[in-house]
PDB file of N, CA and C in Angstrom:
ATOM      1  N   UNK A   1     114.126-137.190 107.767  1.00  0.00           N
ATOM      2  CA  UNK A   1     114.119-136.081 106.715  1.00  0.00           C
ATOM      3  C   UNK A   1     114.061-134.793 107.485  1.00  0.00           C
ATOM      4  N   UNK A   2     114.947-133.801 107.160  1.00  0.00           N
ATOM      5  CA  UNK A   2     115.063-132.478 107.753  1.00  0.00           C
ATOM      6  C   UNK A   2     114.587-131.444 106.781  1.00  0.00           C
ATOM      7  N   UNK A   3     113.672-130.547 107.257  1.00  0.00           N
ATOM      8  CA  UNK A   3     113.230-129.460 106.461  1.00  0.00           C
ATOM      9  C   UNK A   3     114.013-128.152 106.745  1.00  0.00           C
ATOM     10  N   UNK A   4     114.243-127.456 105.769  1.00  0.00           N
ATOM     11  CA  UNK A   4     115.018-126.101 105.938  1.00  0.00           C
ATOM     12  C   UNK A   4     114.168-125.164 105.015  1.00  0.00           C
ATOM     13  N   UNK A   5     114.202-123.890 105.414  1.00  0.00           N
ATOM     14  CA  UNK A   5     113.498-122.839 104.642  1.00  0.00           C
ATOM     15  C   UNK A   5     114.486-122.491 103.535  1.00  0.00           C
ATOM     16  N   UNK A   6     113.926-122.356 102.268  1.00  0.00           N
ATOM     17  CA  UNK A   6     114.624-121.998 101.132  1.00  0.00           C
ATOM     18  C   UNK A   6     114.636-120.485 101.159  1.00  0.00           C
ATOM     19  N   UNK A   7     115.848-119.917 101.471  1.00  0.00           N
ATOM     20  CA  UNK A   7     115.931-118.492 101.682  1.00  0.00           C
ATOM     21  C   UNK A   7     115.678-117.667 100.403  1.00  0.00           C
ATOM     22  N   UNK A   8     116.010-118.181  99.224  1.00  0.00           N
ATOM     23  CA  UNK A   8     115.723-117.467  97.996  1.00  0.00           C
ATOM     24  C   UNK A   8     114.195-117.264  97.822  1.00  0.00           C
ATOM     25  N   UNK A   9     113.467-118.371  98.002  1.00  0.00           N
ATOM     26  CA  UNK A   9     112.011-118.271  97.811  1.00  0.00           C
ATOM     27  C   UNK A   9     111.341-117.429  98.867  1.00  0.00           C
ATOM     28  N   UNK A  10     111.843-117.403 100.072  1.00  0.00           N
ATOM     29  CA  UNK A  10     111.352-116.590 101.218  1.00  0.00           C
ATOM     30  C   UNK A  10     111.619-115.059 100.787  1.00  0.00           C
ATOM     31  N   UNK A  11     112.875-114.798 100.246  1.00  0.00           N
ATOM     32  CA  UNK A  11     113.232-113.469  99.858  1.00  0.00           C
ATOM     33  C   UNK A  11     112.321-113.021  98.737  1.00  0.00           C
ATOM     34  N   UNK A  12     111.965-113.894  97.804  1.00  0.00           N
ATOM     35  CA  UNK A  12     111.073-113.563  96.678  1.00  0.00           C
ATOM     36  C   UNK A  12     109.689-113.246  97.269  1.00  0.00           C
ATOM     37  N   UNK A  13     109.209-113.962  98.292  1.00  0.00           N
ATOM     38  CA  UNK A  13     107.960-113.708  98.861  1.00  0.00           C
ATOM     39  C   UNK A  13     107.907-112.297  99.568  1.00  0.00           C
ATOM     40  N   UNK A  14     109.005-111.947 100.275  1.00  0.00           N
ATOM     41  CA  UNK A  14     109.129-110.686 100.905  1.00  0.00           C
ATOM     42  C   UNK A  14     109.082-109.552  99.888  1.00  0.00           C
ATOM     43  N   UNK A  15     109.732-109.787  98.686  1.00  0.00           N
ATOM     44  CA  UNK A  15     109.755-108.741  97.671  1.00  0.00           C
ATOM     45  C   UNK A  15     108.346-108.653  97.037  1.00  0.00           C
ATOM     46  N   UNK A  16     107.659-109.725  96.861  1.00  0.00           N
ATOM     47  CA  UNK A  16     106.359-109.657  96.261  1.00  0.00           C
ATOM     48  C   UNK A  16     105.286-109.098  97.171  1.00  0.00           C
ATOM     49  N   UNK A  17     105.262-109.591  98.497  1.00  0.00           N
ATOM     50  CA  UNK A  17     104.210-109.217  99.376  1.00  0.00           C
ATOM     51  C   UNK A  17     104.514-107.816 100.130  1.00  0.00           C
ATOM     52  N   UNK A  18     105.801-107.472 100.319  1.00  0.00           N
ATOM     53  CA  UNK A  18     106.109-106.304 101.111  1.00  0.00           C
ATOM     54  C   UNK A  18     107.068-105.373 100.389  1.00  0.00           C
ATOM     55  N   UNK A  19     107.219-105.472  99.096  1.00  0.00           N
ATOM     56  CA  UNK A  19     108.026-104.688  98.301  1.00  0.00           C
ATOM     57  C   UNK A  19     109.421-104.648  98.812  1.00  0.00           C
ATOM     58  N   UNK A  20     109.907-105.732  99.419  1.00  0.00           N
ATOM     59  CA  UNK A  20     111.280-105.813  99.808  1.00  0.00           C
ATOM     60  C   UNK A  20     111.621-105.197 101.184  1.00  0.00           C
ATOM     61  N   UNK A  21     110.538-104.851 101.971  1.00  0.00           N
ATOM     62  CA  UNK A  21     110.612-104.143 103.248  1.00  0.00           C
ATOM     63  C   UNK A  21     110.812-105.136 104.337  1.00  0.00           C
ATOM     64  N   UNK A  22     112.048-105.245 105.001  1.00  0.00           N
ATOM     65  CA  UNK A  22     112.291-106.194 106.043  1.00  0.00           C
ATOM     66  C   UNK A  22     111.378-105.856 107.233  1.00  0.00           C
ATOM     67  N   UNK A  23     111.247-104.554 107.608  1.00  0.00           N
ATOM     68  CA  UNK A  23     110.417-104.227 108.761  1.00  0.00           C
ATOM     69  C   UNK A  23     109.028-104.666 108.590  1.00  0.00           C
ATOM     70  N   UNK A  24     108.396-104.435 107.450  1.00  0.00           N
ATOM     71  CA  UNK A  24     106.991-104.795 107.261  1.00  0.00           C
ATOM     72  C   UNK A  24     106.869-106.387 107.284  1.00  0.00           C
ATOM     73  N   UNK A  25     107.752-107.030 106.528  1.00  0.00           N
ATOM     74  CA  UNK A  25     107.665-108.446 106.417  1.00  0.00           C
ATOM     75  C   UNK A  25     107.924-109.050 107.839  1.00  0.00           C
ATOM     76  N   UNK A  26     108.878-108.562 108.500  1.00  0.00           N
ATOM     77  CA  UNK A  26     109.257-109.080 109.905  1.00  0.00           C
ATOM     78  C   UNK A  26     108.015-108.965 110.829  1.00  0.00           C
ATOM     79  N   UNK A  27     107.328-107.820 110.753  1.00  0.00           N
ATOM     80  CA  UNK A  27     106.129-107.503 111.609  1.00  0.00           C
ATOM     81  C   UNK A  27     105.032-108.546 111.219  1.00  0.00           C
ATOM     82  N   UNK A  28     104.838-108.767 109.934  1.00  0.00           N
ATOM     83  CA  UNK A  28     103.801-109.670 109.447  1.00  0.00           C
ATOM     84  C   UNK A  28     104.118-111.140 109.800  1.00  0.00           C
ATOM     85  N   UNK A  29     105.370-111.449 109.852  1.00  0.00           N
ATOM     86  CA  UNK A  29     105.765-112.848 110.331  1.00  0.00           C
ATOM     87  C   UNK A  29     105.714-113.029 111.814  1.00  0.00           C
ATOM     88  N   UNK A  30     105.853-111.808 112.591  1.00  0.00           N
ATOM     89  CA  UNK A  30     105.939-111.898 113.949  1.00  0.00           C
ATOM     90  C   UNK A  30     107.414-112.156 114.427  1.00  0.00           C
ATOM     91  N   UNK A  31     108.341-111.829 113.695  1.00  0.00           N
ATOM     92  CA  UNK A  31     109.785-112.002 114.083  1.00  0.00           C
ATOM     93  C   UNK A  31     110.513-110.584 114.002  1.00  0.00           C
ATOM     94  N   UNK A  32     111.552-110.546 114.729  1.00  0.00           N
ATOM     95  CA  UNK A  32     112.332-109.228 114.729  1.00  0.00           C
ATOM     96  C   UNK A  32     112.938-109.066 113.289  1.00  0.00           C
ATOM     97  N   UNK A  33     112.708-107.788 112.749  1.00  0.00           N
ATOM     98  CA  UNK A  33     113.267-107.508 111.383  1.00  0.00           C
ATOM     99  C   UNK A  33     114.747-107.785 111.285  1.00  0.00           C
ATOM    100  N   UNK A  34     115.529-107.516 112.351  1.00  0.00           N
ATOM    101  CA  UNK A  34     116.971-107.796 112.335  1.00  0.00           C
ATOM    102  C   UNK A  34     117.277-109.312 112.206  1.00  0.00           C
ATOM    103  N   UNK A  35     116.399-110.122 112.895  1.00  0.00           N
ATOM    104  CA  UNK A  35     116.566-111.521 112.841  1.00  0.00           C
ATOM    105  C   UNK A  35     116.260-112.024 111.407  1.00  0.00           C
ATOM    106  N   UNK A  36     115.210-111.380 110.822  1.00  0.00           N
ATOM    107  CA  UNK A  36     114.805-111.772 109.420  1.00  0.00           C
ATOM    108  C   UNK A  36     115.893-111.404 108.494  1.00  0.00           C
ATOM    109  N   UNK A  37     116.425-110.150 108.637  1.00  0.00           N
ATOM    110  CA  UNK A  37     117.525-109.646 107.711  1.00  0.00           C
ATOM    111  C   UNK A  37     118.710-110.663 107.871  1.00  0.00           C
ATOM    112  N   UNK A  38     119.120-110.977 108.997  1.00  0.00           N
ATOM    113  CA  UNK A  38     120.294-111.891 109.322  1.00  0.00           C
ATOM    114  C   UNK A  38     120.033-113.219 108.646  1.00  0.00           C
ATOM    115  N   UNK A  39     118.825-113.736 108.786  1.00  0.00           N
ATOM    116  CA  UNK A  39     118.581-115.034 108.249  1.00  0.00           C
ATOM    117  C   UNK A  39     118.640-115.001 106.654  1.00  0.00           C
ATOM    118  N   UNK A  40     117.881-114.118 106.010  1.00  0.00           N
ATOM    119  CA  UNK A  40     117.772-113.982 104.544  1.00  0.00           C
ATOM    120  C   UNK A  40     119.083-113.686 103.946  1.00  0.00           C
ATOM    121  N   UNK A  41     119.948-112.916 104.635  1.00  0.00           N
ATOM    122  CA  UNK A  41     121.251-112.569 104.054  1.00  0.00           C
ATOM    123  C   UNK A  41     122.419-113.457 104.305  1.00  0.00           C
ATOM    124  N   UNK A  42     122.351-114.168 105.482  1.00  0.00           N
ATOM    125  CA  UNK A  42     123.512-115.001 105.871  1.00  0.00           C
ATOM    126  C   UNK A  42     123.136-116.420 106.151  1.00  0.00           C
ATOM    127  N   UNK A  43     121.826-116.683 106.356  1.00  0.00           N
ATOM    128  CA  UNK A  43     121.469-118.097 106.667  1.00  0.00           C
ATOM    129  C   UNK A  43     121.441-118.376 108.129  1.00  0.00           C
ATOM    130  N   UNK A  44     121.836-117.465 109.002  1.00  0.00           N
ATOM    131  CA  UNK A  44     121.943-117.646 110.370  1.00  0.00           C
ATOM    132  C   UNK A  44     120.489-117.434 111.096  1.00  0.00           C
ATOM    133  N   UNK A  45     120.028-118.266 111.884  1.00  0.00           N
ATOM    134  CA  UNK A  45     118.803-118.016 112.620  1.00  0.00           C
ATOM    135  C   UNK A  45     117.584-118.570 111.871  1.00  0.00           C
ATOM    136  N   UNK A  46     117.681-119.588 111.064  1.00  0.00           N
ATOM    137  CA  UNK A  46     116.475-120.092 110.460  1.00  0.00           C
ATOM    138  C   UNK A  46     115.904-121.333 111.159  1.00  0.00           C
ATOM    139  N   UNK A  47     115.795-121.236 112.460  1.00  0.00           N
ATOM    140  CA  UNK A  47     115.355-122.376 113.224  1.00  0.00           C
ATOM    141  C   UNK A  47     113.805-122.519 113.297  1.00  0.00           C
ATOM    142  N   UNK A  48     113.381-123.162 114.441  1.00  0.00           N
ATOM    143  CA  UNK A  48     111.928-123.430 114.607  1.00  0.00           C
ATOM    144  C   UNK A  48     111.133-122.153 114.572  1.00  0.00           C
ATOM    145  N   UNK A  49     111.589-121.083 115.228  1.00  0.00           N
ATOM    146  CA  UNK A  49     110.781-119.863 115.256  1.00  0.00           C
ATOM    147  C   UNK A  49     110.533-119.339 113.945  1.00  0.00           C
ATOM    148  N   UNK A  50     111.515-119.350 113.093  1.00  0.00           N
ATOM    149  CA  UNK A  50     111.291-118.849 111.644  1.00  0.00           C
ATOM    150  C   UNK A  50     110.442-119.761 110.930  1.00  0.00           C
ATOM    151  N   UNK A  51     110.526-121.027 111.063  1.00  0.00           N
ATOM    152  CA  UNK A  51     109.691-121.967 110.295  1.00  0.00           C
ATOM    153  C   UNK A  51     108.212-121.798 110.751  1.00  0.00           C
ATOM    154  N   UNK A  52     107.972-121.784 112.077  1.00  0.00           N
ATOM    155  CA  UNK A  52     106.706-121.555 112.593  1.00  0.00           C
ATOM    156  C   UNK A  52     106.026-120.275 112.169  1.00  0.00           C
ATOM    157  N   UNK A  53     106.841-119.257 112.124  1.00  0.00           N
ATOM    158  CA  UNK A  53     106.316-117.881 111.702  1.00  0.00           C
ATOM    159  C   UNK A  53     105.932-117.916 110.250  1.00  0.00           C
ATOM    160  N   UNK A  54     106.761-118.590 109.380  1.00  0.00           N
ATOM    161  CA  UNK A  54     106.504-118.698 108.036  1.00  0.00           C
ATOM    162  C   UNK A  54     105.246-119.546 107.730  1.00  0.00           C
ATOM    163  N   UNK A  55     105.022-120.675 108.506  1.00  0.00           N
ATOM    164  CA  UNK A  55     103.876-121.467 108.321  1.00  0.00           C
ATOM    165  C   UNK A  55     102.593-120.695 108.753  1.00  0.00           C
ATOM    166  N   UNK A  56     102.670-119.953 109.843  1.00  0.00           N
ATOM    167  CA  UNK A  56     101.476-119.198 110.270  1.00  0.00           C
ATOM    168  C   UNK A  56     101.218-118.086 109.200  1.00  0.00           C
ATOM    169  N   UNK A  57     102.226-117.398 108.705  1.00  0.00           N
ATOM    170  CA  UNK A  57     102.081-116.357 107.595  1.00  0.00           C
ATOM    171  C   UNK A  57     101.333-117.083 106.363  1.00  0.00           C
ATOM    172  N   UNK A  58     101.801-118.114 106.004  1.00  0.00           N
ATOM    173  CA  UNK A  58     101.274-118.793 104.742  1.00  0.00           C
ATOM    174  C   UNK A  58      99.839-119.192 105.064  1.00  0.00           C
ATOM    175  N   UNK A  59      99.454-119.721 106.256  1.00  0.00           N
ATOM    176  CA  UNK A  59      98.094-120.012 106.594  1.00  0.00           C
ATOM    177  C   UNK A  59      97.226-118.832 106.490  1.00  0.00           C
ATOM    178  N   UNK A  60      97.680-117.667 107.044  1.00  0.00           N
ATOM    179  CA  UNK A  60      96.878-116.443 106.982  1.00  0.00           C
ATOM    180  C   UNK A  60      96.673-115.886 105.555  1.00  0.00           C
ATOM    181  N   UNK A  61      97.634-116.136 104.690  1.00  0.00           N
ATOM    182  CA  UNK A  61      97.547-115.681 103.296  1.00  0.00           C
ATOM    183  C   UNK A  61      97.190-116.717 102.205  1.00  0.00           C
ATOM    184  N   UNK A  62      96.718-117.829 102.730  1.00  0.00           N
ATOM    185  CA  UNK A  62      96.272-119.023 101.811  1.00  0.00           C
ATOM    186  C   UNK A  62      97.501-119.414 100.855  1.00  0.00           C
ATOM    187  N   UNK A  63      98.616-119.564 101.394  1.00  0.00           N
ATOM    188  CA  UNK A  63      99.815-119.994 100.620  1.00  0.00           C
ATOM    189  C   UNK A  63     100.224-121.385 101.058  1.00  0.00           C
ATOM    190  N   UNK A  64     100.726-122.163 100.210  1.00  0.00           N
ATOM    191  CA  UNK A  64     101.285-123.571 100.530  1.00  0.00           C
ATOM    192  C   UNK A  64     102.715-123.355 101.095  1.00  0.00           C
ATOM    193  N   UNK A  65     102.847-123.511 102.381  1.00  0.00           N
ATOM    194  CA  UNK A  65     104.183-123.237 102.984  1.00  0.00           C
ATOM    195  C   UNK A  65     105.252-124.169 102.568  1.00  0.00           C
ATOM    196  N   UNK A  66     104.860-125.393 102.087  1.00  0.00           N
ATOM    197  CA  UNK A  66     105.832-126.333 101.720  1.00  0.00           C
ATOM    198  C   UNK A  66     106.641-125.918 100.408  1.00  0.00           C
ATOM    199  N   UNK A  67     106.108-125.008  99.668  1.00  0.00           N
ATOM    200  CA  UNK A  67     106.865-124.443  98.512  1.00  0.00           C
ATOM    201  C   UNK A  67     108.053-123.612  98.927  1.00  0.00           C
ATOM    202  N   UNK A  68     108.084-123.257 100.257  1.00  0.00           N
ATOM    203  CA  UNK A  68     109.234-122.408 100.757  1.00  0.00           C
ATOM    204  C   UNK A  68     110.211-123.334 101.609  1.00  0.00           C
ATOM    205  N   UNK A  69     110.062-124.600 101.535  1.00  0.00           N
ATOM    206  CA  UNK A  69     110.903-125.567 102.272  1.00  0.00           C
ATOM    207  C   UNK A  69     111.725-126.385 101.336  1.00  0.00           C
ATOM    208  N   UNK A  70     112.893-126.689 101.710  1.00  0.00           N
ATOM    209  CA  UNK A  70     113.822-127.609 101.068  1.00  0.00           C
ATOM    210  C   UNK A  70     113.841-128.806 102.002  1.00  0.00           C
ATOM    211  N   UNK A  71     113.742-129.995 101.473  1.00  0.00           N
ATOM    212  CA  UNK A  71     113.865-131.221 102.304  1.00  0.00           C
ATOM    213  C   UNK A  71     115.180-131.932 101.864  1.00  0.00           C
ATOM    214  N   UNK A  72     115.829-132.421 102.921  1.00  0.00           N
ATOM    215  CA  UNK A  72     117.099-133.105 102.697  1.00  0.00           C
ATOM    216  C   UNK A  72     116.933-134.573 102.904  1.00  0.00           C
TER     217      UNK A  72
END
């Protein structure tokens, strides 16, 4: 079973938590805002670094990270 980040749900999280600000959300995740922008808009770059950053973010904010993952 392979897990992938659901980009739409992550985009909704960014809009809710950071008012759609890529710079702020990228800093909170610990990833480059350009990398975040590229991933959310094209799907490129959603590897381990992005998954681990999202998991750490969810742990810090008491969110269930599995709601942001699609399993195949």
